[in-house]
Amino acid sequence: MADRWLRQAGLILVAAAADTLIRAIELRTGKTLWKNVLPPGGHAPPIPYEIGGGRYLVI
């Protein structure tokens, strides 16, 4: 699966929130490790994929 690198790192990505942030959350602790503002608000879960050795997200 394309999201195996997220699971292996113990992360979940959240963008479907009332604010305009995307967050990387550590599954074990629930701590937000990274966040950034999305130009338009995200109203769907991020979907990771890999192509040509690159790792990408689409919302």
C-alpha atoms as a PDB file:
ATOM      1  CA  MET A   1       0.000   0.000   0.000  1.00  0.00           C
ATOM      2  CA  ALA A   2       1.135   3.521  -0.698  1.00  0.00           C
ATOM      3  CA  ASP A   3       0.667   4.610   2.903  1.00  0.00           C
ATOM      4  CA  ARG A   4       3.010   1.963   4.340  1.00  0.00           C
ATOM      5  CA  TRP A   5       5.755   4.549   4.895  1.00  0.00           C
ATOM      6  CA  LEU A   6       3.351   6.544   7.076  1.00  0.00           C
ATOM      7  CA  ARG A   7       2.356   3.488   9.101  1.00  0.00           C
ATOM      8  CA  GLN A   8       5.971   2.370   9.454  1.00  0.00           C
ATOM      9  CA  ALA A   9       6.831   5.820  10.810  1.00  0.00           C
ATOM     10  CA  GLY A  10       3.859   5.583  13.205  1.00  0.00           C
ATOM     11  CA  LEU A  11       2.129   8.613  11.687  1.00  0.00           C
ATOM     12  CA  ILE A  12      -1.348   9.600  10.616  1.00  0.00           C
ATOM     13  CA  LEU A  13      -2.191  12.664   8.514  1.00  0.00           C
ATOM     14  CA  VAL A  14      -5.277  14.750   9.239  1.00  0.00           C
ATOM     15  CA  ALA A  15      -6.616  17.488   6.971  1.00  0.00           C
ATOM     16  CA  ALA A  16     -10.389  17.071   7.246  1.00  0.00           C
ATOM     17  CA  ALA A  17     -10.877  19.567  10.057  1.00  0.00           C
ATOM     18  CA  ALA A  18     -12.746  22.847  10.483  1.00  0.00           C
ATOM     19  CA  ASP A  19      -9.501  24.827  10.191  1.00  0.00           C
ATOM     20  CA  THR A  20      -7.204  25.005   7.158  1.00  0.00           C
ATOM     21  CA  LEU A  21      -4.364  22.923   8.619  1.00  0.00           C
ATOM     22  CA  ILE A  22      -2.872  19.598   7.636  1.00  0.00           C
ATOM     23  CA  ARG A  23      -1.247  17.746  10.529  1.00  0.00           C
ATOM     24  CA  ALA A  24       1.099  14.796  10.978  1.00  0.00           C
ATOM     25  CA  ILE A  25       0.209  13.076  14.251  1.00  0.00           C
ATOM     26  CA  GLU A  26       2.237  10.410  16.013  1.00  0.00           C
ATOM     27  CA  LEU A  27      -0.042   7.425  16.572  1.00  0.00           C
ATOM     28  CA  ARG A  28       1.628   6.266  19.793  1.00  0.00           C
ATOM     29  CA  THR A  29       1.384   9.587  21.673  1.00  0.00           C
ATOM     30  CA  GLY A  30      -1.227  11.578  19.752  1.00  0.00           C
ATOM     31  CA  LYS A  31       1.264  14.459  19.581  1.00  0.00           C
ATOM     32  CA  THR A  32       1.172  16.764  16.546  1.00  0.00           C
ATOM     33  CA  LEU A  33       4.656  16.528  15.048  1.00  0.00           C
ATOM     34  CA  TRP A  34       4.107  18.854  12.090  1.00  0.00           C
ATOM     35  CA  LYS A  35       1.400  21.135  10.761  1.00  0.00           C
ATOM     36  CA  ASN A  36       1.032  23.524   7.870  1.00  0.00           C
ATOM     37  CA  VAL A  37      -1.684  25.697   6.350  1.00  0.00           C
ATOM     38  CA  LEU A  38      -3.502  24.479   3.247  1.00  0.00           C
ATOM     39  CA  PRO A  39      -4.445  27.173   0.690  1.00  0.00           C
ATOM     40  CA  PRO A  40      -8.099  26.032   0.708  1.00  0.00           C
ATOM     41  CA  GLY A  41      -9.341  24.066   3.688  1.00  0.00           C
ATOM     42  CA  GLY A  42      -9.037  20.296   3.461  1.00  0.00           C
ATOM     43  CA  HIS A  43     -12.386  18.529   3.653  1.00  0.00           C
ATOM     44  CA  ALA A  44     -11.189  15.017   2.878  1.00  0.00           C
ATOM     45  CA  PRO A  45      -8.522  12.680   4.210  1.00  0.00           C
ATOM     46  CA  PRO A  46      -5.079  12.996   2.616  1.00  0.00           C
ATOM     47  CA  ILE A  47      -4.170  10.096   0.347  1.00  0.00           C
ATOM     48  CA  PRO A  48      -0.464   9.272   0.093  1.00  0.00           C
ATOM     49  CA  TYR A  49       1.059   7.764  -3.026  1.00  0.00           C
ATOM     50  CA  GLU A  50       4.481   6.944  -4.418  1.00  0.00           C
ATOM     51  CA  ILE A  51       5.612   7.394  -8.002  1.00  0.00           C
ATOM     52  CA  GLY A  52       9.099   7.382  -9.456  1.00  0.00           C
ATOM     53  CA  GLY A  53      10.645   7.171  -5.995  1.00  0.00           C
ATOM     54  CA  GLY A  54       8.834  10.323  -4.793  1.00  0.00           C
ATOM     55  CA  ARG A  55       6.262  10.423  -2.024  1.00  0.00           C
ATOM     56  CA  TYR A  56       3.242  12.670  -2.441  1.00  0.00           C
ATOM     57  CA  LEU A  57      -0.110  13.525  -0.869  1.00  0.00           C
ATOM     58  CA  VAL A  58      -3.357  14.445  -2.557  1.00  0.00           C
ATOM     59  CA  ILE A  59      -6.377  15.867  -0.753  1.00  0.00           C
END
